Amino acid sequence: MVFSHYRCWRARLPPQPEEGSATAEFAVVLPSVIAIAGLILALGRVVMVTMDCDSAASAAARTMMVSGDETAAQHAVAQIVGANSAVAIRQSEQAIHVQVTCPVLPGPMNLTPVQVKAESTAMLQ
């Protein structure tokens, strides 16, 4: 008997105006979430390439300090970041300065840099 009164009361209510609103909200929010996820992945890639480029510059400076051979320093950079990187080595009486430029894949809407640079200096003893 309680259920019959509930059905009568429910039948008198107007239809729900919010039917399908969850689908519309999902359709609006989903592209934003995908764009933010893509941007986070692209920035993660830039950070990873920056750290590798910095390690390559340090390794090149260390190799150049120990061996004095620019080819060995360039080979050390190529082993860490690949052959597409550019290496500039300057040597003075007291220090060796190495600059490595590493390419980065362009991110979404070109919001991330195309290349990163890392520098390292080794003092001669």
N, C-alpha and C. Protein backbone atom coordinates (compact mmCIF):
# COMPACT_ATOMS: atom_id res chain seq x y z
N MET A 1 0.81 -1.18 0.00
CA MET A 1 0.00 0.00 0.00
C MET A 1 0.87 1.26 0.00
N VAL A 2 1.98 1.20 0.66
CA VAL A 2 2.88 2.34 0.69
C VAL A 2 3.44 2.60 -0.71
N PHE A 3 3.74 1.56 -1.45
CA PHE A 3 4.30 1.72 -2.78
C PHE A 3 3.29 2.32 -3.76
N SER A 4 2.05 2.04 -3.61
CA SER A 4 1.04 2.59 -4.53
C SER A 4 0.91 4.09 -4.33
N HIS A 5 1.03 4.56 -3.09
CA HIS A 5 0.96 6.00 -2.86
C HIS A 5 2.22 6.69 -3.42
N TYR A 6 3.31 6.04 -3.32
CA TYR A 6 4.56 6.60 -3.85
C TYR A 6 4.49 6.75 -5.36
N ARG A 7 3.94 5.72 -6.03
CA ARG A 7 3.81 5.78 -7.49
C ARG A 7 2.86 6.89 -7.92
N CYS A 8 1.78 7.07 -7.21
CA CYS A 8 0.85 8.15 -7.55
C CYS A 8 1.51 9.51 -7.35
N TRP A 9 2.24 9.65 -6.25
CA TRP A 9 2.90 10.91 -5.96
C TRP A 9 3.99 11.20 -6.99
N ARG A 10 4.72 10.16 -7.37
CA ARG A 10 5.81 10.29 -8.35
C ARG A 10 5.26 10.63 -9.73
N ALA A 11 4.13 10.12 -10.08
CA ALA A 11 3.53 10.37 -11.39
C ALA A 11 3.09 11.82 -11.52
N ARG A 12 2.80 12.51 -10.43
CA ARG A 12 2.35 13.90 -10.48
C ARG A 12 3.51 14.89 -10.67
N LEU A 13 4.75 14.44 -10.43
CA LEU A 13 5.91 15.33 -10.57
C LEU A 13 6.20 15.61 -12.04
N PRO A 14 6.74 16.81 -12.36
CA PRO A 14 7.12 17.08 -13.75
C PRO A 14 8.35 16.23 -14.12
N PRO A 15 8.58 16.01 -15.41
CA PRO A 15 9.75 15.23 -15.81
C PRO A 15 11.04 15.93 -15.38
N GLN A 16 12.09 15.15 -15.18
CA GLN A 16 13.36 15.67 -14.72
C GLN A 16 14.03 16.47 -15.84
N PRO A 17 14.34 17.75 -15.59
CA PRO A 17 14.97 18.55 -16.65
C PRO A 17 16.47 18.26 -16.81
N GLU A 18 17.09 17.57 -15.89
CA GLU A 18 18.52 17.34 -15.94
C GLU A 18 18.90 16.00 -16.56
N GLU A 19 17.99 15.34 -17.21
CA GLU A 19 18.31 14.06 -17.83
C GLU A 19 19.32 14.30 -18.97
N GLY A 20 20.43 13.56 -18.96
CA GLY A 20 21.46 13.68 -19.98
C GLY A 20 22.50 14.74 -19.67
N SER A 21 22.39 15.41 -18.54
CA SER A 21 23.36 16.46 -18.23
C SER A 21 24.75 15.87 -17.94
N ALA A 22 24.79 14.66 -17.40
CA ALA A 22 26.09 14.03 -17.13
C ALA A 22 26.84 13.77 -18.44
N THR A 23 26.13 13.38 -19.47
CA THR A 23 26.76 13.15 -20.76
C THR A 23 27.29 14.45 -21.35
N ALA A 24 26.54 15.51 -21.23
CA ALA A 24 26.99 16.81 -21.75
C ALA A 24 28.21 17.31 -20.99
N GLU A 25 28.21 17.17 -19.68
CA GLU A 25 29.35 17.59 -18.89
C GLU A 25 30.59 16.77 -19.25
N PHE A 26 30.40 15.47 -19.44
CA PHE A 26 31.51 14.60 -19.81
C PHE A 26 32.07 15.01 -21.17
N ALA A 27 31.19 15.35 -22.11
CA ALA A 27 31.63 15.76 -23.45
C ALA A 27 32.40 17.08 -23.40
N VAL A 28 32.11 17.93 -22.44
CA VAL A 28 32.82 19.20 -22.33
C VAL A 28 34.16 19.02 -21.61
N VAL A 29 34.20 18.17 -20.60
CA VAL A 29 35.39 18.02 -19.76
C VAL A 29 36.44 17.11 -20.41
N LEU A 30 36.03 16.10 -21.14
CA LEU A 30 36.97 15.12 -21.70
C LEU A 30 38.04 15.74 -22.59
N PRO A 31 37.73 16.62 -23.53
CA PRO A 31 38.81 17.21 -24.34
C PRO A 31 39.81 18.00 -23.50
N SER A 32 39.33 18.67 -22.47
CA SER A 32 40.24 19.42 -21.59
C SER A 32 41.19 18.48 -20.86
N VAL A 33 40.67 17.38 -20.38
CA VAL A 33 41.51 16.41 -19.67
C VAL A 33 42.54 15.81 -20.62
N ILE A 34 42.15 15.51 -21.85
CA ILE A 34 43.08 14.95 -22.83
C ILE A 34 44.16 15.97 -23.18
N ALA A 35 43.79 17.24 -23.33
CA ALA A 35 44.78 18.28 -23.65
C ALA A 35 45.77 18.46 -22.51
N ILE A 36 45.30 18.47 -21.29
CA ILE A 36 46.20 18.61 -20.14
C ILE A 36 47.12 17.41 -20.02
N ALA A 37 46.60 16.19 -20.26
CA ALA A 37 47.44 15.00 -20.20
C ALA A 37 48.52 15.04 -21.28
N GLY A 38 48.17 15.49 -22.48
CA GLY A 38 49.17 15.62 -23.55
C GLY A 38 50.24 16.63 -23.22
N LEU A 39 49.85 17.73 -22.62
CA LEU A 39 50.82 18.76 -22.23
C LEU A 39 51.75 18.25 -21.14
N ILE A 40 51.21 17.51 -20.18
CA ILE A 40 52.04 16.94 -19.12
C ILE A 40 53.05 15.95 -19.69
N LEU A 41 52.61 15.11 -20.63
CA LEU A 41 53.53 14.16 -21.27
C LEU A 41 54.62 14.89 -22.06
N ALA A 42 54.25 15.95 -22.78
CA ALA A 42 55.25 16.70 -23.55
C ALA A 42 56.25 17.38 -22.63
N LEU A 43 55.79 17.96 -21.54
CA LEU A 43 56.71 18.59 -20.61
C LEU A 43 57.61 17.56 -19.93
N GLY A 44 57.07 16.38 -19.66
CA GLY A 44 57.90 15.31 -19.11
C GLY A 44 59.01 14.91 -20.07
N ARG A 45 58.70 14.88 -21.35
CA ARG A 45 59.71 14.57 -22.36
C ARG A 45 60.80 15.65 -22.40
N VAL A 46 60.41 16.91 -22.29
CA VAL A 46 61.38 18.01 -22.28
C VAL A 46 62.30 17.89 -21.07
N VAL A 47 61.74 17.59 -19.92
CA VAL A 47 62.55 17.45 -18.70
C VAL A 47 63.53 16.28 -18.85
N MET A 48 63.05 15.17 -19.41
CA MET A 48 63.92 14.00 -19.58
C MET A 48 65.08 14.31 -20.54
N VAL A 49 64.79 14.97 -21.65
CA VAL A 49 65.85 15.32 -22.61
C VAL A 49 66.82 16.33 -22.00
N THR A 50 66.31 17.26 -21.18
CA THR A 50 67.18 18.23 -20.53
C THR A 50 68.15 17.54 -19.57
N MET A 51 67.65 16.57 -18.82
CA MET A 51 68.53 15.85 -17.89
C MET A 51 69.57 15.02 -18.65
N ASP A 52 69.16 14.37 -19.74
CA ASP A 52 70.12 13.61 -20.54
C ASP A 52 71.16 14.52 -21.18
N CYS A 53 70.73 15.68 -21.64
CA CYS A 53 71.65 16.62 -22.27
C CYS A 53 72.66 17.15 -21.24
N ASP A 54 72.19 17.40 -20.03
CA ASP A 54 73.09 17.85 -18.97
C ASP A 54 74.10 16.76 -18.61
N SER A 55 73.65 15.52 -18.55
CA SER A 55 74.57 14.40 -18.29
C SER A 55 75.60 14.25 -19.41
N ALA A 56 75.15 14.45 -20.64
CA ALA A 56 76.08 14.35 -21.78
C ALA A 56 77.13 15.45 -21.73
N ALA A 57 76.73 16.67 -21.36
CA ALA A 57 77.70 17.76 -21.25
C ALA A 57 78.72 17.48 -20.16
N SER A 58 78.26 16.96 -19.04
CA SER A 58 79.19 16.61 -17.95
C SER A 58 80.15 15.51 -18.38
N ALA A 59 79.62 14.49 -19.05
CA ALA A 59 80.48 13.39 -19.51
C ALA A 59 81.50 13.87 -20.53
N ALA A 60 81.08 14.77 -21.42
CA ALA A 60 82.02 15.29 -22.43
C ALA A 60 83.12 16.12 -21.77
N ALA A 61 82.76 16.93 -20.79
CA ALA A 61 83.77 17.74 -20.09
C ALA A 61 84.74 16.83 -19.33
N ARG A 62 84.21 15.81 -18.70
CA ARG A 62 85.06 14.87 -17.95
C ARG A 62 85.99 14.12 -18.91
N THR A 63 85.44 13.65 -20.03
CA THR A 63 86.26 12.92 -21.01
C THR A 63 87.32 13.82 -21.61
N MET A 64 86.94 15.05 -21.88
CA MET A 64 87.89 16.00 -22.46
C MET A 64 89.00 16.33 -21.46
N MET A 65 88.66 16.41 -20.19
CA MET A 65 89.66 16.71 -19.17
C MET A 65 90.64 15.55 -19.01
N VAL A 66 90.13 14.32 -19.05
CA VAL A 66 90.98 13.15 -18.84
C VAL A 66 91.84 12.84 -20.06
N SER A 67 91.19 12.80 -21.24
CA SER A 67 91.93 12.36 -22.43
C SER A 67 92.44 13.51 -23.29
N GLY A 68 91.74 14.65 -23.27
CA GLY A 68 92.15 15.76 -24.13
C GLY A 68 91.76 15.57 -25.57
N ASP A 69 90.94 14.59 -25.87
CA ASP A 69 90.55 14.26 -27.25
C ASP A 69 89.11 14.70 -27.49
N GLU A 70 88.93 15.63 -28.44
CA GLU A 70 87.58 16.11 -28.74
C GLU A 70 86.70 15.03 -29.35
N THR A 71 87.28 14.14 -30.14
CA THR A 71 86.51 13.05 -30.74
C THR A 71 85.95 12.12 -29.67
N ALA A 72 86.75 11.84 -28.65
CA ALA A 72 86.26 10.99 -27.55
C ALA A 72 85.15 11.69 -26.78
N ALA A 73 85.25 13.00 -26.62
CA ALA A 73 84.19 13.75 -25.94
C ALA A 73 82.90 13.74 -26.76
N GLN A 74 83.01 13.91 -28.07
CA GLN A 74 81.83 13.86 -28.93
C GLN A 74 81.22 12.46 -28.95
N HIS A 75 82.06 11.44 -28.88
CA HIS A 75 81.56 10.07 -28.82
C HIS A 75 80.82 9.82 -27.49
N ALA A 76 81.31 10.39 -26.41
CA ALA A 76 80.62 10.25 -25.11
C ALA A 76 79.24 10.91 -25.16
N VAL A 77 79.15 12.06 -25.83
CA VAL A 77 77.84 12.72 -25.98
C VAL A 77 76.91 11.88 -26.84
N ALA A 78 77.43 11.33 -27.93
CA ALA A 78 76.60 10.52 -28.82
C ALA A 78 76.08 9.27 -28.13
N GLN A 79 76.85 8.70 -27.22
CA GLN A 79 76.39 7.52 -26.49
C GLN A 79 75.23 7.85 -25.56
N ILE A 80 75.21 9.05 -25.01
CA ILE A 80 74.18 9.41 -24.03
C ILE A 80 72.92 9.94 -24.71
N VAL A 81 73.06 10.89 -25.63
CA VAL A 81 71.88 11.53 -26.20
C VAL A 81 71.65 11.22 -27.68
N GLY A 82 72.56 10.54 -28.32
CA GLY A 82 72.36 10.20 -29.72
C GLY A 82 73.21 11.07 -30.63
N ALA A 83 73.18 10.72 -31.89
CA ALA A 83 74.05 11.39 -32.87
C ALA A 83 73.50 12.72 -33.35
N ASN A 84 72.24 13.04 -33.04
CA ASN A 84 71.63 14.28 -33.54
C ASN A 84 72.01 15.51 -32.72
N SER A 85 72.80 15.33 -31.69
CA SER A 85 73.15 16.46 -30.83
C SER A 85 74.38 17.19 -31.39
N ALA A 86 74.49 18.47 -31.01
CA ALA A 86 75.63 19.28 -31.43
C ALA A 86 76.50 19.57 -30.21
N VAL A 87 77.80 19.48 -30.39
CA VAL A 87 78.74 19.68 -29.29
C VAL A 87 79.69 20.82 -29.65
N ALA A 88 79.83 21.78 -28.72
CA ALA A 88 80.80 22.87 -28.89
C ALA A 88 81.75 22.83 -27.70
N ILE A 89 83.04 22.72 -27.99
CA ILE A 89 84.05 22.60 -26.93
C ILE A 89 85.01 23.78 -27.06
N ARG A 90 85.17 24.48 -25.95
CA ARG A 90 86.15 25.57 -25.88
C ARG A 90 87.13 25.23 -24.77
N GLN A 91 88.39 25.37 -25.08
CA GLN A 91 89.41 25.05 -24.10
C GLN A 91 90.31 26.27 -23.89
N SER A 92 90.49 26.62 -22.61
CA SER A 92 91.42 27.69 -22.27
C SER A 92 92.55 27.08 -21.44
N GLU A 93 93.39 27.93 -20.90
CA GLU A 93 94.51 27.42 -20.11
C GLU A 93 94.06 26.78 -18.81
N GLN A 94 92.95 27.25 -18.25
CA GLN A 94 92.51 26.77 -16.94
C GLN A 94 91.27 25.90 -16.97
N ALA A 95 90.47 25.96 -18.04
CA ALA A 95 89.18 25.24 -18.02
C ALA A 95 88.81 24.74 -19.40
N ILE A 96 87.92 23.77 -19.38
CA ILE A 96 87.31 23.24 -20.60
C ILE A 96 85.82 23.49 -20.47
N HIS A 97 85.26 24.17 -21.47
CA HIS A 97 83.84 24.51 -21.45
C HIS A 97 83.15 23.74 -22.58
N VAL A 98 82.12 22.97 -22.22
CA VAL A 98 81.39 22.16 -23.20
C VAL A 98 79.94 22.61 -23.23
N GLN A 99 79.41 22.81 -24.44
CA GLN A 99 78.00 23.12 -24.62
C GLN A 99 77.40 22.08 -25.56
N VAL A 100 76.33 21.44 -25.10
CA VAL A 100 75.66 20.41 -25.89
C VAL A 100 74.25 20.88 -26.19
N THR A 101 73.84 20.79 -27.46
CA THR A 101 72.50 21.13 -27.89
C THR A 101 71.79 19.85 -28.32
N CYS A 102 70.65 19.56 -27.69
CA CYS A 102 69.91 18.33 -27.95
C CYS A 102 68.55 18.65 -28.54
N PRO A 103 68.14 17.92 -29.59
CA PRO A 103 66.81 18.16 -30.16
C PRO A 103 65.71 17.53 -29.31
N VAL A 104 64.56 18.19 -29.28
CA VAL A 104 63.37 17.69 -28.59
C VAL A 104 62.25 17.67 -29.62
N LEU A 105 61.44 16.64 -29.59
CA LEU A 105 60.29 16.60 -30.50
C LEU A 105 59.35 17.74 -30.14
N PRO A 106 58.81 18.46 -31.12
CA PRO A 106 57.90 19.55 -30.80
C PRO A 106 56.65 19.02 -30.12
N GLY A 107 56.21 19.73 -29.11
CA GLY A 107 55.05 19.31 -28.33
C GLY A 107 53.76 19.81 -28.94
N PRO A 108 52.66 19.67 -28.22
CA PRO A 108 51.37 20.11 -28.74
C PRO A 108 51.34 21.63 -28.90
N MET A 109 50.90 22.08 -30.06
CA MET A 109 50.77 23.50 -30.40
C MET A 109 52.09 24.26 -30.22
N ASN A 110 53.21 23.57 -30.32
CA ASN A 110 54.55 24.15 -30.19
C ASN A 110 54.72 24.93 -28.88
N LEU A 111 54.19 24.38 -27.79
CA LEU A 111 54.33 25.00 -26.48
C LEU A 111 55.65 24.63 -25.81
N THR A 112 56.30 23.58 -26.28
CA THR A 112 57.56 23.14 -25.69
C THR A 112 58.71 23.52 -26.62
N PRO A 113 59.91 23.64 -26.09
CA PRO A 113 61.04 24.04 -26.94
C PRO A 113 61.41 22.94 -27.93
N VAL A 114 62.02 23.35 -29.04
CA VAL A 114 62.43 22.41 -30.08
C VAL A 114 63.78 21.80 -29.74
N GLN A 115 64.60 22.55 -28.99
CA GLN A 115 65.90 22.04 -28.57
C GLN A 115 66.24 22.60 -27.20
N VAL A 116 67.09 21.86 -26.50
CA VAL A 116 67.56 22.32 -25.19
C VAL A 116 69.09 22.35 -25.22
N LYS A 117 69.65 23.23 -24.40
CA LYS A 117 71.11 23.36 -24.32
C LYS A 117 71.55 23.09 -22.89
N ALA A 118 72.69 22.45 -22.79
CA ALA A 118 73.30 22.20 -21.48
C ALA A 118 74.79 22.56 -21.57
N GLU A 119 75.28 23.11 -20.48
CA GLU A 119 76.68 23.51 -20.43
C GLU A 119 77.36 22.88 -19.23
N SER A 120 78.64 22.59 -19.40
CA SER A 120 79.43 22.05 -18.31
C SER A 120 80.86 22.56 -18.44
N THR A 121 81.48 22.80 -17.31
CA THR A 121 82.84 23.31 -17.30
C THR A 121 83.69 22.41 -16.40
N ALA A 122 84.86 22.04 -16.88
CA ALA A 122 85.81 21.26 -16.08
C ALA A 122 87.07 22.08 -15.93
N MET A 123 87.53 22.16 -14.71
CA MET A 123 88.75 22.93 -14.42
C MET A 123 89.97 22.02 -14.60
N LEU A 124 90.96 22.51 -15.31
CA LEU A 124 92.19 21.75 -15.49
C LEU A 124 93.08 21.89 -14.26
N GLN A 125 93.80 20.84 -13.97
CA GLN A 125 94.68 20.87 -12.78
C GLN A 125 96.13 20.95 -13.18
